[in-house]
């Protein structure tokens, strides 16, 4: 499974599921998500509100294990 954790360690993205639809990018209230050619990334302004997790149509985004 192609799960990567953002550099900040805030969110996990399953790269084998992500379709690069951009739904998460448009939903983020802090503009913390960036759609790159290969993977979506999160910057340090992410506060783990979970909106991206809820809006992802295939469940490719999640909080890392142990995150609140």
C-alpha atoms as a PDB file:
ATOM      1  CA  UNK A   1       0.000   0.000   0.000  1.00  0.00           C
ATOM      2  CA  UNK A   2       1.385   3.416  -0.912  1.00  0.00           C
ATOM      3  CA  UNK A   3       0.736   5.388   2.264  1.00  0.00           C
ATOM      4  CA  UNK A   4       2.814   8.502   2.770  1.00  0.00           C
ATOM      5  CA  UNK A   5       2.748  10.895   5.685  1.00  0.00           C
ATOM      6  CA  UNK A   6       3.148  14.600   5.058  1.00  0.00           C
ATOM      7  CA  UNK A   7       6.473  16.158   6.048  1.00  0.00           C
ATOM      8  CA  UNK A   8       4.766  17.702   9.046  1.00  0.00           C
ATOM      9  CA  UNK A   9       3.428  14.284  10.075  1.00  0.00           C
ATOM     10  CA  UNK A  10      -0.113  15.631  10.201  1.00  0.00           C
ATOM     11  CA  UNK A  11      -2.024  13.594   7.627  1.00  0.00           C
ATOM     12  CA  UNK A  12      -1.594  10.313   5.762  1.00  0.00           C
ATOM     13  CA  UNK A  13      -2.392   9.884   2.080  1.00  0.00           C
ATOM     14  CA  UNK A  14      -2.845   6.487   0.467  1.00  0.00           C
ATOM     15  CA  UNK A  15      -1.192   7.173  -2.885  1.00  0.00           C
ATOM     16  CA  UNK A  16      -2.572   3.957  -4.347  1.00  0.00           C
ATOM     17  CA  UNK A  17      -6.118   5.299  -3.820  1.00  0.00           C
ATOM     18  CA  UNK A  18      -5.735   9.050  -4.407  1.00  0.00           C
ATOM     19  CA  UNK A  19      -7.256  10.066  -7.755  1.00  0.00           C
ATOM     20  CA  UNK A  20      -5.976  13.681  -7.590  1.00  0.00           C
ATOM     21  CA  UNK A  21      -9.560  14.944  -7.821  1.00  0.00           C
ATOM     22  CA  UNK A  22      -8.754  18.042  -5.752  1.00  0.00           C
ATOM     23  CA  UNK A  23     -11.804  17.821  -3.493  1.00  0.00           C
ATOM     24  CA  UNK A  24      -9.610  18.049  -0.412  1.00  0.00           C
ATOM     25  CA  UNK A  25      -7.744  21.093  -1.727  1.00  0.00           C
ATOM     26  CA  UNK A  26     -10.948  23.041  -2.271  1.00  0.00           C
ATOM     27  CA  UNK A  27     -12.314  22.094   1.142  1.00  0.00           C
ATOM     28  CA  UNK A  28      -9.346  23.033   3.312  1.00  0.00           C
ATOM     29  CA  UNK A  29     -10.187  26.214   5.293  1.00  0.00           C
ATOM     30  CA  UNK A  30      -6.471  26.949   5.861  1.00  0.00           C
ATOM     31  CA  UNK A  31      -5.287  26.268   2.298  1.00  0.00           C
ATOM     32  CA  UNK A  32      -2.886  23.691   3.737  1.00  0.00           C
ATOM     33  CA  UNK A  33      -3.245  21.093   0.974  1.00  0.00           C
ATOM     34  CA  UNK A  34      -1.354  21.188  -2.296  1.00  0.00           C
ATOM     35  CA  UNK A  35      -2.007  19.004  -5.323  1.00  0.00           C
ATOM     36  CA  UNK A  36       1.308  18.003  -6.880  1.00  0.00           C
ATOM     37  CA  UNK A  37       1.871  15.776  -9.907  1.00  0.00           C
ATOM     38  CA  UNK A  38       2.433  12.655  -7.839  1.00  0.00           C
ATOM     39  CA  UNK A  39       0.886  13.234  -4.405  1.00  0.00           C
ATOM     40  CA  UNK A  40      -1.066  15.710  -2.331  1.00  0.00           C
ATOM     41  CA  UNK A  41       0.935  17.398   0.396  1.00  0.00           C
ATOM     42  CA  UNK A  42       0.077  19.327   3.554  1.00  0.00           C
ATOM     43  CA  UNK A  43       1.946  22.260   5.051  1.00  0.00           C
ATOM     44  CA  UNK A  44       2.447  23.144   8.703  1.00  0.00           C
ATOM     45  CA  UNK A  45      -0.704  25.254   8.850  1.00  0.00           C
ATOM     46  CA  UNK A  46      -2.832  22.058   8.817  1.00  0.00           C
ATOM     47  CA  UNK A  47      -4.716  21.771  12.117  1.00  0.00           C
ATOM     48  CA  UNK A  48      -6.144  18.283  11.448  1.00  0.00           C
ATOM     49  CA  UNK A  49      -9.737  19.559  11.297  1.00  0.00           C
ATOM     50  CA  UNK A  50     -10.641  16.485   9.257  1.00  0.00           C
ATOM     51  CA  UNK A  51     -12.625  18.218   6.500  1.00  0.00           C
ATOM     52  CA  UNK A  52     -10.354  16.690   3.855  1.00  0.00           C
ATOM     53  CA  UNK A  53     -10.878  13.236   5.355  1.00  0.00           C
ATOM     54  CA  UNK A  54     -14.651  13.637   5.190  1.00  0.00           C
ATOM     55  CA  UNK A  55     -14.738  15.052   1.651  1.00  0.00           C
ATOM     56  CA  UNK A  56     -12.391  12.516   0.022  1.00  0.00           C
ATOM     57  CA  UNK A  57     -14.682  10.362  -2.146  1.00  0.00           C
ATOM     58  CA  UNK A  58     -12.552   7.253  -1.784  1.00  0.00           C
ATOM     59  CA  UNK A  59     -11.082   7.601   1.708  1.00  0.00           C
ATOM     60  CA  UNK A  60      -7.473   8.163   0.664  1.00  0.00           C
ATOM     61  CA  UNK A  61      -6.743  10.644   3.500  1.00  0.00           C
ATOM     62  CA  UNK A  62      -6.568   9.910   7.203  1.00  0.00           C
ATOM     63  CA  UNK A  63      -4.885  11.147  10.351  1.00  0.00           C
ATOM     64  CA  UNK A  64      -1.731   9.233  11.338  1.00  0.00           C
ATOM     65  CA  UNK A  65      -2.144   6.610  14.011  1.00  0.00           C
ATOM     66  CA  UNK A  66      -1.968   8.173  17.453  1.00  0.00           C
ATOM     67  CA  UNK A  67      -3.005  11.625  16.245  1.00  0.00           C
ATOM     68  CA  UNK A  68      -5.804  13.354  18.114  1.00  0.00           C
END
